[in-house]
Amino acid sequence: PARVRVVLDPRADFGRSPLREVTRNADGWTARAGSLY
């Protein structure tokens, strides 16, 4: 068995725009970073 650490922390525009509007649903997560979905 494999134990793996996962970190997802997108930061748009050279790190100036962190994640926002983070929402969980049945399949995973949605969020915004800068102008990106």
Full PDB file with SEQRES, HELIX, SHEET, SSBOND, CRYST1, ORIGX, SCALE, CONECT and MASTER records, all heavy atoms in Angstrom:
SEQRES   1 A   37  PRO ALA ARG VAL ARG VAL VAL LEU ASP PRO ARG ALA ASP          
SEQRES   2 A   37  PHE GLY ARG SER PRO LEU ARG GLU VAL THR ARG ASN ALA          
SEQRES   3 A   37  ASP GLY TRP THR ALA ARG ALA GLY SER LEU TYR                  
HELIX    1 AA1 ALA A   12  GLY A   15  1                                   4    
SHEET    1 AA1 2 ARG A  20  ARG A  24  0                                        
SHEET    2 AA1 2 TRP A  29  ARG A  32 -1                                        
CRYST1    1.000    1.000    1.000  90.00  90.00  90.00 P 1           1          
ORIGX1      1.000000  0.000000  0.000000        0.00000                         
ORIGX2      0.000000  1.000000  0.000000        0.00000                         
ORIGX3      0.000000  0.000000  1.000000        0.00000                         
SCALE1      1.000000  0.000000  0.000000        0.00000                         
SCALE2      0.000000  1.000000  0.000000        0.00000                         
SCALE3      0.000000  0.000000  1.000000        0.00000                         
ATOM      1  N   PRO A   1       0.838  -1.207   0.000  1.00  0.00           N  
ATOM      2  CA  PRO A   1       0.000   0.000   0.000  1.00  0.00           C  
ATOM      3  C   PRO A   1       0.873   1.257   0.000  1.00  0.00           C  
ATOM      4  O   PRO A   1       1.977   1.277   0.544  1.00  0.00           O  
ATOM      5  CB  PRO A   1      -0.811  -0.126   1.291  1.00  0.00           C  
ATOM      6  CG  PRO A   1      -0.796  -1.585   1.626  1.00  0.00           C  
ATOM      7  CD  PRO A   1       0.536  -2.094   1.147  1.00  0.00           C  
ATOM      8  N   ALA A   2       0.371   2.301  -0.638  1.00  0.00           N  
ATOM      9  CA  ALA A   2       1.115   3.558  -0.749  1.00  0.00           C  
ATOM     10  C   ALA A   2       0.414   4.650   0.045  1.00  0.00           C  
ATOM     11  O   ALA A   2      -0.795   4.851  -0.110  1.00  0.00           O  
ATOM     12  CB  ALA A   2       1.234   3.967  -2.205  1.00  0.00           C  
ATOM     13  N   ARG A   3       1.173   5.345   0.862  1.00  0.00           N  
ATOM     14  CA  ARG A   3       0.680   6.518   1.577  1.00  0.00           C  
ATOM     15  C   ARG A   3       1.297   7.748   0.926  1.00  0.00           C  
ATOM     16  O   ARG A   3       2.521   7.884   0.841  1.00  0.00           O  
ATOM     17  CB  ARG A   3       1.040   6.453   3.058  1.00  0.00           C  
ATOM     18  CG  ARG A   3       0.335   5.357   3.810  1.00  0.00           C  
ATOM     19  CD  ARG A   3       0.844   5.187   5.240  1.00  0.00           C  
ATOM     20  NE  ARG A   3       1.001   6.461   5.919  1.00  0.00           N  
ATOM     21  CZ  ARG A   3       2.188   6.970   6.265  1.00  0.00           C  
ATOM     22  NH1 ARG A   3       3.306   6.331   5.954  1.00  0.00           N  
ATOM     23  NH2 ARG A   3       2.252   8.122   6.905  1.00  0.00           N  
ATOM     24  N   VAL A   4       0.434   8.632   0.441  1.00  0.00           N  
ATOM     25  CA  VAL A   4       0.885   9.777  -0.345  1.00  0.00           C  
ATOM     26  C   VAL A   4       0.290  11.051   0.224  1.00  0.00           C  
ATOM     27  O   VAL A   4      -0.903  11.126   0.526  1.00  0.00           O  
ATOM     28  CB  VAL A   4       0.472   9.621  -1.826  1.00  0.00           C  
ATOM     29  CG1 VAL A   4       0.844  10.864  -2.616  1.00  0.00           C  
ATOM     30  CG2 VAL A   4       1.137   8.394  -2.436  1.00  0.00           C  
ATOM     31  N   ARG A   5       1.150  12.058   0.376  1.00  0.00           N  
ATOM     32  CA  ARG A   5       0.683  13.375   0.832  1.00  0.00           C  
ATOM     33  C   ARG A   5       0.344  14.224  -0.387  1.00  0.00           C  
ATOM     34  O   ARG A   5       1.115  14.288  -1.356  1.00  0.00           O  
ATOM     35  CB  ARG A   5       1.765  14.057   1.659  1.00  0.00           C  
ATOM     36  CG  ARG A   5       1.321  15.374   2.309  1.00  0.00           C  
ATOM     37  CD  ARG A   5       2.266  15.736   3.440  1.00  0.00           C  
ATOM     38  NE  ARG A   5       3.601  16.011   2.961  1.00  0.00           N  
ATOM     39  CZ  ARG A   5       4.045  17.248   2.687  1.00  0.00           C  
ATOM     40  NH1 ARG A   5       3.236  18.289   2.811  1.00  0.00           N  
ATOM     41  NH2 ARG A   5       5.277  17.431   2.289  1.00  0.00           N  
ATOM     42  N   VAL A   6      -0.807  14.881  -0.360  1.00  0.00           N  
ATOM     43  CA  VAL A   6      -1.268  15.725  -1.452  1.00  0.00           C  
ATOM     44  C   VAL A   6      -1.541  17.123  -0.911  1.00  0.00           C  
ATOM     45  O   VAL A   6      -2.212  17.284   0.111  1.00  0.00           O  
ATOM     46  CB  VAL A   6      -2.542  15.157  -2.112  1.00  0.00           C  
ATOM     47  CG1 VAL A   6      -3.051  16.113  -3.203  1.00  0.00           C  
ATOM     48  CG2 VAL A   6      -2.275  13.775  -2.689  1.00  0.00           C  
ATOM     49  N   VAL A   7      -1.013  18.134  -1.591  1.00  0.00           N  
ATOM     50  CA  VAL A   7      -1.305  19.533  -1.278  1.00  0.00           C  
ATOM     51  C   VAL A   7      -1.657  20.237  -2.582  1.00  0.00           C  
ATOM     52  O   VAL A   7      -0.874  20.195  -3.538  1.00  0.00           O  
ATOM     53  CB  VAL A   7      -0.101  20.243  -0.618  1.00  0.00           C  
ATOM     54  CG1 VAL A   7      -0.427  21.714  -0.368  1.00  0.00           C  
ATOM     55  CG2 VAL A   7       0.301  19.550   0.673  1.00  0.00           C  
ATOM     56  N   LEU A   8      -2.812  20.847  -2.629  1.00  0.00           N  
ATOM     57  CA  LEU A   8      -3.207  21.657  -3.788  1.00  0.00           C  
ATOM     58  C   LEU A   8      -3.440  23.083  -3.306  1.00  0.00           C  
ATOM     59  O   LEU A   8      -4.399  23.353  -2.578  1.00  0.00           O  
ATOM     60  CB  LEU A   8      -4.471  21.111  -4.451  1.00  0.00           C  
ATOM     61  CG  LEU A   8      -4.985  21.925  -5.633  1.00  0.00           C  
ATOM     62  CD1 LEU A   8      -3.950  21.994  -6.752  1.00  0.00           C  
ATOM     63  CD2 LEU A   8      -6.304  21.365  -6.161  1.00  0.00           C  
ATOM     64  N   ASP A   9      -2.556  23.969  -3.728  1.00  0.00           N  
ATOM     65  CA  ASP A   9      -2.624  25.370  -3.301  1.00  0.00           C  
ATOM     66  C   ASP A   9      -2.277  26.273  -4.487  1.00  0.00           C  
ATOM     67  O   ASP A   9      -1.200  26.877  -4.525  1.00  0.00           O  
ATOM     68  CB  ASP A   9      -1.658  25.597  -2.137  1.00  0.00           C  
ATOM     69  CG  ASP A   9      -1.755  27.001  -1.562  1.00  0.00           C  
ATOM     70  OD1 ASP A   9      -2.758  27.689  -1.819  1.00  0.00           O  
ATOM     71  OD2 ASP A   9      -0.807  27.409  -0.855  1.00  0.00           O  
ATOM     72  N   PRO A  10      -3.150  26.374  -5.497  1.00  0.00           N  
ATOM     73  CA  PRO A  10      -2.851  27.220  -6.660  1.00  0.00           C  
ATOM     74  C   PRO A  10      -2.844  28.696  -6.261  1.00  0.00           C  
ATOM     75  O   PRO A  10      -3.691  29.151  -5.483  1.00  0.00           O  
ATOM     76  CB  PRO A  10      -4.005  26.918  -7.626  1.00  0.00           C  
ATOM     77  CG  PRO A  10      -4.675  25.694  -7.084  1.00  0.00           C  
ATOM     78  CD  PRO A  10      -4.449  25.713  -5.626  1.00  0.00           C  
ATOM     79  N   ARG A  11      -1.913  29.431  -6.831  1.00  0.00           N  
ATOM     80  CA  ARG A  11      -1.818  30.878  -6.589  1.00  0.00           C  
ATOM     81  C   ARG A  11      -1.616  31.563  -7.937  1.00  0.00           C  
ATOM     82  O   ARG A  11      -0.520  31.503  -8.501  1.00  0.00           O  
ATOM     83  CB  ARG A  11      -0.652  31.201  -5.659  1.00  0.00           C  
ATOM     84  CG  ARG A  11      -0.687  30.503  -4.305  1.00  0.00           C  
ATOM     85  CD  ARG A  11      -1.766  31.063  -3.392  1.00  0.00           C  
ATOM     86  NE  ARG A  11      -1.715  30.485  -2.076  1.00  0.00           N  
ATOM     87  CZ  ARG A  11      -1.169  31.072  -1.002  1.00  0.00           C  
ATOM     88  NH1 ARG A  11      -0.601  32.278  -1.134  1.00  0.00           N  
ATOM     89  NH2 ARG A  11      -1.172  30.483   0.170  1.00  0.00           N  
ATOM     90  N   ALA A  12      -2.634  32.174  -8.450  1.00  0.00           N  
ATOM     91  CA  ALA A  12      -2.552  32.796  -9.772  1.00  0.00           C  
ATOM     92  C   ALA A  12      -1.676  34.046  -9.746  1.00  0.00           C  
ATOM     93  O   ALA A  12      -1.402  34.623  -8.689  1.00  0.00           O  
ATOM     94  CB  ALA A  12      -3.959  33.145 -10.272  1.00  0.00           C  
ATOM     95  N   ASP A  13      -1.253  34.461 -10.970  1.00  0.00           N  
ATOM     96  CA  ASP A  13      -0.523  35.709 -11.167  1.00  0.00           C  
ATOM     97  C   ASP A  13       0.728  35.780 -10.297  1.00  0.00           C  
ATOM     98  O   ASP A  13       0.894  36.673  -9.475  1.00  0.00           O  
ATOM     99  CB  ASP A  13      -1.446  36.906 -10.881  1.00  0.00           C  
ATOM    100  CG  ASP A  13      -0.850  38.221 -11.355  1.00  0.00           C  
ATOM    101  OD1 ASP A  13       0.078  38.193 -12.188  1.00  0.00           O  
ATOM    102  OD2 ASP A  13      -1.303  39.283 -10.879  1.00  0.00           O  
ATOM    103  N   PHE A  14       1.637  34.816 -10.500  1.00  0.00           N  
ATOM    104  CA  PHE A  14       2.895  34.770  -9.759  1.00  0.00           C  
ATOM    105  C   PHE A  14       2.682  34.735  -8.249  1.00  0.00           C  
ATOM    106  O   PHE A  14       3.457  35.283  -7.485  1.00  0.00           O  
ATOM    107  CB  PHE A  14       3.783  35.957 -10.128  1.00  0.00           C  
ATOM    108  CG  PHE A  14       4.385  35.862 -11.501  1.00  0.00           C  
ATOM    109  CD1 PHE A  14       3.767  36.468 -12.587  1.00  0.00           C  
ATOM    110  CD2 PHE A  14       5.569  35.170 -11.710  1.00  0.00           C  
ATOM    111  CE1 PHE A  14       4.320  36.386 -13.866  1.00  0.00           C  
ATOM    112  CE2 PHE A  14       6.124  35.074 -12.978  1.00  0.00           C  
ATOM    113  CZ  PHE A  14       5.508  35.682 -14.060  1.00  0.00           C  
ATOM    114  N   GLY A  15       1.608  34.067  -7.814  1.00  0.00           N  
ATOM    115  CA  GLY A  15       1.367  33.884  -6.392  1.00  0.00           C  
ATOM    116  C   GLY A  15       0.565  34.975  -5.728  1.00  0.00           C  
ATOM    117  O   GLY A  15       0.286  34.903  -4.531  1.00  0.00           O  
ATOM    118  N   ARG A  16       0.153  35.988  -6.485  1.00  0.00           N  
ATOM    119  CA  ARG A  16      -0.539  37.127  -5.869  1.00  0.00           C  
ATOM    120  C   ARG A  16      -2.001  36.829  -5.551  1.00  0.00           C  
ATOM    121  O   ARG A  16      -2.608  37.513  -4.721  1.00  0.00           O  
ATOM    122  CB  ARG A  16      -0.468  38.344  -6.802  1.00  0.00           C  
ATOM    123  CG  ARG A  16       0.950  38.822  -7.119  1.00  0.00           C  
ATOM    124  CD  ARG A  16       0.908  40.087  -7.953  1.00  0.00           C  
ATOM    125  NE  ARG A  16       2.232  40.522  -8.374  1.00  0.00           N  
ATOM    126  CZ  ARG A  16       2.740  40.324  -9.578  1.00  0.00           C  
ATOM    127  NH1 ARG A  16       2.001  39.691 -10.492  1.00  0.00           N  
ATOM    128  NH2 ARG A  16       3.955  40.743  -9.891  1.00  0.00           N  
ATOM    129  N   SER A  17      -2.604  35.836  -6.213  1.00  0.00           N  
ATOM    130  CA  SER A  17      -4.042  35.571  -6.074  1.00  0.00           C  
ATOM    131  C   SER A  17      -4.262  34.160  -5.553  1.00  0.00           C  
ATOM    132  O   SER A  17      -4.180  33.192  -6.311  1.00  0.00           O  
ATOM    133  CB  SER A  17      -4.753  35.732  -7.428  1.00  0.00           C  
ATOM    134  OG  SER A  17      -4.594  37.041  -7.928  1.00  0.00           O  
ATOM    135  N   PRO A  18      -4.546  34.011  -4.272  1.00  0.00           N  
ATOM    136  CA  PRO A  18      -4.732  32.677  -3.696  1.00  0.00           C  
ATOM    137  C   PRO A  18      -6.110  32.099  -4.026  1.00  0.00           C  
ATOM    138  O   PRO A  18      -6.962  32.759  -4.639  1.00  0.00           O  
ATOM    139  CB  PRO A  18      -4.585  32.928  -2.196  1.00  0.00           C  
ATOM    140  CG  PRO A  18      -5.053  34.347  -2.016  1.00  0.00           C  
ATOM    141  CD  PRO A  18      -4.626  35.076  -3.253  1.00  0.00           C  
ATOM    142  N   LEU A  19      -6.307  30.861  -3.586  1.00  0.00           N  
ATOM    143  CA  LEU A  19      -7.602  30.211  -3.771  1.00  0.00           C  
ATOM    144  C   LEU A  19      -8.703  30.966  -3.034  1.00  0.00           C  
ATOM    145  O   LEU A  19      -8.493  31.486  -1.937  1.00  0.00           O  
ATOM    146  CB  LEU A  19      -7.548  28.781  -3.235  1.00  0.00           C  
ATOM    147  CG  LEU A  19      -7.061  27.664  -4.148  1.00  0.00           C  
ATOM    148  CD1 LEU A  19      -7.119  26.343  -3.405  1.00  0.00           C  
ATOM    149  CD2 LEU A  19      -7.892  27.587  -5.417  1.00  0.00           C  
ATOM    150  N   ARG A  20      -9.876  30.964  -3.647  1.00  0.00           N  
ATOM    151  CA  ARG A  20     -11.061  31.524  -2.989  1.00  0.00           C  
ATOM    152  C   ARG A  20     -12.280  30.746  -3.486  1.00  0.00           C  
ATOM    153  O   ARG A  20     -12.188  29.956  -4.427  1.00  0.00           O  
ATOM    154  CB  ARG A  20     -11.212  33.017  -3.297  1.00  0.00           C  
ATOM    155  CG  ARG A  20     -11.538  33.334  -4.738  1.00  0.00           C  
ATOM    156  CD  ARG A  20     -11.589  34.848  -4.971  1.00  0.00           C  
ATOM    157  NE  ARG A  20     -12.209  35.199  -6.247  1.00  0.00           N  
ATOM    158  CZ  ARG A  20     -11.604  35.189  -7.413  1.00  0.00           C  
ATOM    159  NH1 ARG A  20     -10.322  34.846  -7.478  1.00  0.00           N  
ATOM    160  NH2 ARG A  20     -12.263  35.516  -8.517  1.00  0.00           N  
ATOM    161  N   GLU A  21     -13.383  30.965  -2.853  1.00  0.00           N  
ATOM    162  CA  GLU A  21     -14.649  30.315  -3.222  1.00  0.00           C  
ATOM    163  C   GLU A  21     -14.497  28.805  -3.316  1.00  0.00           C  
ATOM    164  O   GLU A  21     -15.000  28.145  -4.227  1.00  0.00           O  
ATOM    165  CB  GLU A  21     -15.176  30.873  -4.551  1.00  0.00           C  
ATOM    166  CG  GLU A  21     -15.415  32.372  -4.546  1.00  0.00           C  
ATOM    167  CD  GLU A  21     -15.837  32.908  -5.907  1.00  0.00           C  
ATOM    168  OE1 GLU A  21     -16.404  32.121  -6.710  1.00  0.00           O  
ATOM    169  OE2 GLU A  21     -15.610  34.103  -6.165  1.00  0.00           O  
ATOM    170  N   VAL A  22     -13.789  28.223  -2.339  1.00  0.00           N  
ATOM    171  CA  VAL A  22     -13.552  26.784  -2.341  1.00  0.00           C  
ATOM    172  C   VAL A  22     -14.828  26.063  -1.909  1.00  0.00           C  
ATOM    173  O   VAL A  22     -15.387  26.345  -0.847  1.00  0.00           O  
ATOM    174  CB  VAL A  22     -12.395  26.429  -1.392  1.00  0.00           C  
ATOM    175  CG1 VAL A  22     -12.153  24.925  -1.381  1.00  0.00           C  
ATOM    176  CG2 VAL A  22     -11.133  27.173  -1.798  1.00  0.00           C  
ATOM    177  N   THR A  23     -15.283  25.145  -2.758  1.00  0.00           N  
ATOM    178  CA  THR A  23     -16.535  24.435  -2.516  1.00  0.00           C  
ATOM    179  C   THR A  23     -16.337  22.945  -2.742  1.00  0.00           C  
ATOM    180  O   THR A  23     -15.716  22.535  -3.724  1.00  0.00           O  
ATOM    181  CB  THR A  23     -17.647  24.932  -3.459  1.00  0.00           C  
ATOM    182  OG1 THR A  23     -17.787  26.351  -3.288  1.00  0.00           O  
ATOM    183  CG2 THR A  23     -18.966  24.247  -3.156  1.00  0.00           C  
ATOM    184  N   ARG A  24     -16.887  22.150  -1.845  1.00  0.00           N  
ATOM    185  CA  ARG A  24     -16.792  20.695  -1.991  1.00  0.00           C  
ATOM    186  C   ARG A  24     -18.085  20.153  -2.577  1.00  0.00           C  
ATOM    187  O   ARG A  24     -19.180  20.631  -2.246  1.00  0.00           O  
ATOM    188  CB  ARG A  24     -16.525  20.051  -0.631  1.00  0.00           C  
ATOM    189  CG  ARG A  24     -16.227  18.553  -0.714  1.00  0.00           C  
ATOM    190  CD  ARG A  24     -15.712  18.028   0.591  1.00  0.00           C  
ATOM    191  NE  ARG A  24     -15.159  16.692   0.463  1.00  0.00           N  
ATOM    192  CZ  ARG A  24     -14.439  16.089   1.386  1.00  0.00           C  
ATOM    193  NH1 ARG A  24     -14.174  16.729   2.531  1.00  0.00           N  
ATOM    194  NH2 ARG A  24     -13.964  14.869   1.210  1.00  0.00           N  
ATOM    195  N   ASN A  25     -17.964  19.151  -3.470  1.00  0.00           N  
ATOM    196  CA  ASN A  25     -19.144  18.476  -4.006  1.00  0.00           C  
ATOM    197  C   ASN A  25     -18.889  16.972  -4.007  1.00  0.00           C  
ATOM    198  O   ASN A  25     -17.884  16.503  -3.470  1.00  0.00           O  
ATOM    199  CB  ASN A  25     -19.477  18.983  -5.412  1.00  0.00           C  
ATOM    200  CG  ASN A  25     -18.302  18.883  -6.366  1.00  0.00           C  
ATOM    201  OD1 ASN A  25     -17.578  17.892  -6.367  1.00  0.00           O  
ATOM    202  ND2 ASN A  25     -18.090  19.920  -7.184  1.00  0.00           N  
ATOM    203  N   ALA A  26     -19.779  16.236  -4.647  1.00  0.00           N  
ATOM    204  CA  ALA A  26     -19.694  14.776  -4.588  1.00  0.00           C  
ATOM    205  C   ALA A  26     -18.426  14.243  -5.239  1.00  0.00           C  
ATOM    206  O   ALA A  26     -17.893  13.204  -4.829  1.00  0.00           O  
ATOM    207  CB  ALA A  26     -20.921  14.161  -5.257  1.00  0.00           C  
ATOM    208  N   ASP A  27     -17.915  14.929  -6.258  1.00  0.00           N  
ATOM    209  CA  ASP A  27     -16.756  14.429  -7.000  1.00  0.00           C  
ATOM    210  C   ASP A  27     -15.435  15.045  -6.575  1.00  0.00           C  
ATOM    211  O   ASP A  27     -14.372  14.563  -6.975  1.00  0.00           O  
ATOM    212  CB  ASP A  27     -16.953  14.687  -8.500  1.00  0.00           C  
ATOM    213  CG  ASP A  27     -18.104  13.889  -9.065  1.00  0.00           C  
ATOM    214  OD1 ASP A  27     -18.308  12.760  -8.602  1.00  0.00           O  
ATOM    215  OD2 ASP A  27     -18.796  14.406  -9.957  1.00  0.00           O  
ATOM    216  N   GLY A  28     -15.472  16.123  -5.816  1.00  0.00           N  
ATOM    217  CA  GLY A  28     -14.219  16.777  -5.470  1.00  0.00           C  
ATOM    218  C   GLY A  28     -14.443  18.205  -5.030  1.00  0.00           C  
ATOM    219  O   GLY A  28     -15.310  18.482  -4.195  1.00  0.00           O  
ATOM    220  N   TRP A  29     -13.711  19.134  -5.671  1.00  0.00           N  
ATOM    221  CA  TRP A  29     -13.704  20.517  -5.229  1.00  0.00           C  
ATOM    222  C   TRP A  29     -13.746  21.455  -6.426  1.00  0.00           C  
ATOM    223  O   TRP A  29     -13.236  21.150  -7.497  1.00  0.00           O  
ATOM    224  CB  TRP A  29     -12.428  20.821  -4.439  1.00  0.00           C  
ATOM    225  CG  TRP A  29     -12.227  19.953  -3.246  1.00  0.00           C  
ATOM    226  CD1 TRP A  29     -11.690  18.698  -3.217  1.00  0.00           C  
ATOM    227  CD2 TRP A  29     -12.561  20.270  -1.893  1.00  0.00           C  
ATOM    228  NE1 TRP A  29     -11.650  18.215  -1.939  1.00  0.00           N  
ATOM    229  CE2 TRP A  29     -12.192  19.162  -1.090  1.00  0.00           C  
ATOM    230  CE3 TRP A  29     -13.143  21.384  -1.268  1.00  0.00           C  
ATOM    231  CZ2 TRP A  29     -12.366  19.134   0.278  1.00  0.00           C  
ATOM    232  CZ3 TRP A  29     -13.312  21.361   0.099  1.00  0.00           C  
ATOM    233  CH2 TRP A  29     -12.934  20.253   0.859  1.00  0.00           C  
ATOM    234  N   THR A  30     -14.349  22.637  -6.228  1.00  0.00           N  
ATOM    235  CA  THR A  30     -14.256  23.731  -7.190  1.00  0.00           C  
ATOM    236  C   THR A  30     -13.748  24.965  -6.451  1.00  0.00           C  
ATOM    237  O   THR A  30     -13.904  25.095  -5.232  1.00  0.00           O  
ATOM    238  CB  THR A  30     -15.612  24.050  -7.849  1.00  0.00           C  
ATOM    239  OG1 THR A  30     -16.551  24.448  -6.826  1.00  0.00           O  
ATOM    240  CG2 THR A  30     -16.144  22.853  -8.604  1.00  0.00           C  
ATOM    241  N   ALA A  31     -13.122  25.882  -7.210  1.00  0.00           N  
ATOM    242  CA  ALA A  31     -12.567  27.088  -6.588  1.00  0.00           C  
ATOM    243  C   ALA A  31     -12.258  28.104  -7.676  1.00  0.00           C  
ATOM    244  O   ALA A  31     -12.397  27.841  -8.882  1.00  0.00           O  
ATOM    245  CB  ALA A  31     -11.313  26.747  -5.782  1.00  0.00           C  
ATOM    246  N   ARG A  32     -11.811  29.270  -7.258  1.00  0.00           N  
ATOM    247  CA  ARG A  32     -11.326  30.319  -8.156  1.00  0.00           C  
ATOM    248  C   ARG A  32      -9.925  30.732  -7.704  1.00  0.00           C  
ATOM    249  O   ARG A  32      -9.583  30.648  -6.532  1.00  0.00           O  
ATOM    250  CB  ARG A  32     -12.238  31.556  -8.107  1.00  0.00           C  
ATOM    251  CG  ARG A  32     -13.674  31.351  -8.517  1.00  0.00           C  
ATOM    252  CD  ARG A  32     -13.829  31.169 -10.029  1.00  0.00           C  
ATOM    253  NE  ARG A  32     -13.200  32.231 -10.802  1.00  0.00           N  
ATOM    254  CZ  ARG A  32     -13.777  33.422 -11.065  1.00  0.00           C  
ATOM    255  NH1 ARG A  32     -14.975  33.690 -10.605  1.00  0.00           N  
ATOM    256  NH2 ARG A  32     -13.138  34.311 -11.815  1.00  0.00           N  
ATOM    257  N   ALA A  33      -9.129  31.184  -8.667  1.00  0.00           N  
ATOM    258  CA  ALA A  33      -7.832  31.798  -8.378  1.00  0.00           C  
ATOM    259  C   ALA A  33      -7.611  32.846  -9.446  1.00  0.00           C  
ATOM    260  O   ALA A  33      -7.524  32.522 -10.637  1.00  0.00           O  
ATOM    261  CB  ALA A  33      -6.713  30.764  -8.383  1.00  0.00           C  
ATOM    262  N   GLY A  34      -7.557  34.114  -9.041  1.00  0.00           N  
ATOM    263  CA  GLY A  34      -7.514  35.181 -10.029  1.00  0.00           C  
ATOM    264  C   GLY A  34      -8.745  35.114 -10.903  1.00  0.00           C  
ATOM    265  O   GLY A  34      -9.874  34.996 -10.424  1.00  0.00           O  
ATOM    266  N   SER A  35      -8.571  35.172 -12.219  1.00  0.00           N  
ATOM    267  CA  SER A  35      -9.704  35.096 -13.145  1.00  0.00           C  
ATOM    268  C   SER A  35      -9.999  33.669 -13.591  1.00  0.00           C  
ATOM    269  O   SER A  35     -10.884  33.445 -14.429  1.00  0.00           O  
ATOM    270  CB  SER A  35      -9.401  35.948 -14.385  1.00  0.00           C  
ATOM    271  OG  SER A  35      -8.257  35.453 -15.061  1.00  0.00           O  
ATOM    272  N   LEU A  36      -9.289  32.691 -13.042  1.00  0.00           N  
ATOM    273  CA  LEU A  36      -9.404  31.310 -13.493  1.00  0.00           C  
ATOM    274  C   LEU A  36     -10.393  30.515 -12.651  1.00  0.00           C  
ATOM    275  O   LEU A  36     -10.533  30.746 -11.440  1.00  0.00           O  
ATOM    276  CB  LEU A  36      -8.031  30.633 -13.444  1.00  0.00           C  
ATOM    277  CG  LEU A  36      -6.941  31.274 -14.303  1.00  0.00           C  
ATOM    278  CD1 LEU A  36      -5.595  30.614 -14.030  1.00  0.00           C  
ATOM    279  CD2 LEU A  36      -7.302  31.179 -15.786  1.00  0.00           C  
ATOM    280  N   TYR A  37     -11.044  29.572 -13.315  1.00  0.00           N  
ATOM    281  CA  TYR A  37     -11.949  28.638 -12.663  1.00  0.00           C  
ATOM    282  C   TYR A  37     -11.234  27.292 -12.526  1.00  0.00           C  
ATOM    283  O   TYR A  37     -10.638  26.792 -13.494  1.00  0.00           O  
ATOM    284  CB  TYR A  37     -13.226  28.466 -13.482  1.00  0.00           C  
ATOM    285  CG  TYR A  37     -14.055  29.718 -13.587  1.00  0.00           C  
ATOM    286  CD1 TYR A  37     -13.751  30.699 -14.530  1.00  0.00           C  
ATOM    287  CD2 TYR A  37     -15.146  29.939 -12.746  1.00  0.00           C  
ATOM    288  CE1 TYR A  37     -14.508  31.860 -14.630  1.00  0.00           C  
ATOM    289  CE2 TYR A  37     -15.905  31.096 -12.835  1.00  0.00           C  
ATOM    290  CZ  TYR A  37     -15.585  32.052 -13.780  1.00  0.00           C  
ATOM    291  OH  TYR A  37     -16.334  33.208 -13.883  1.00  0.00           O  
TER     292      TYR A  37                                                      
MASTER        0    0    0    1    2    0    0    6  291    1    0    3          
END                                                                             
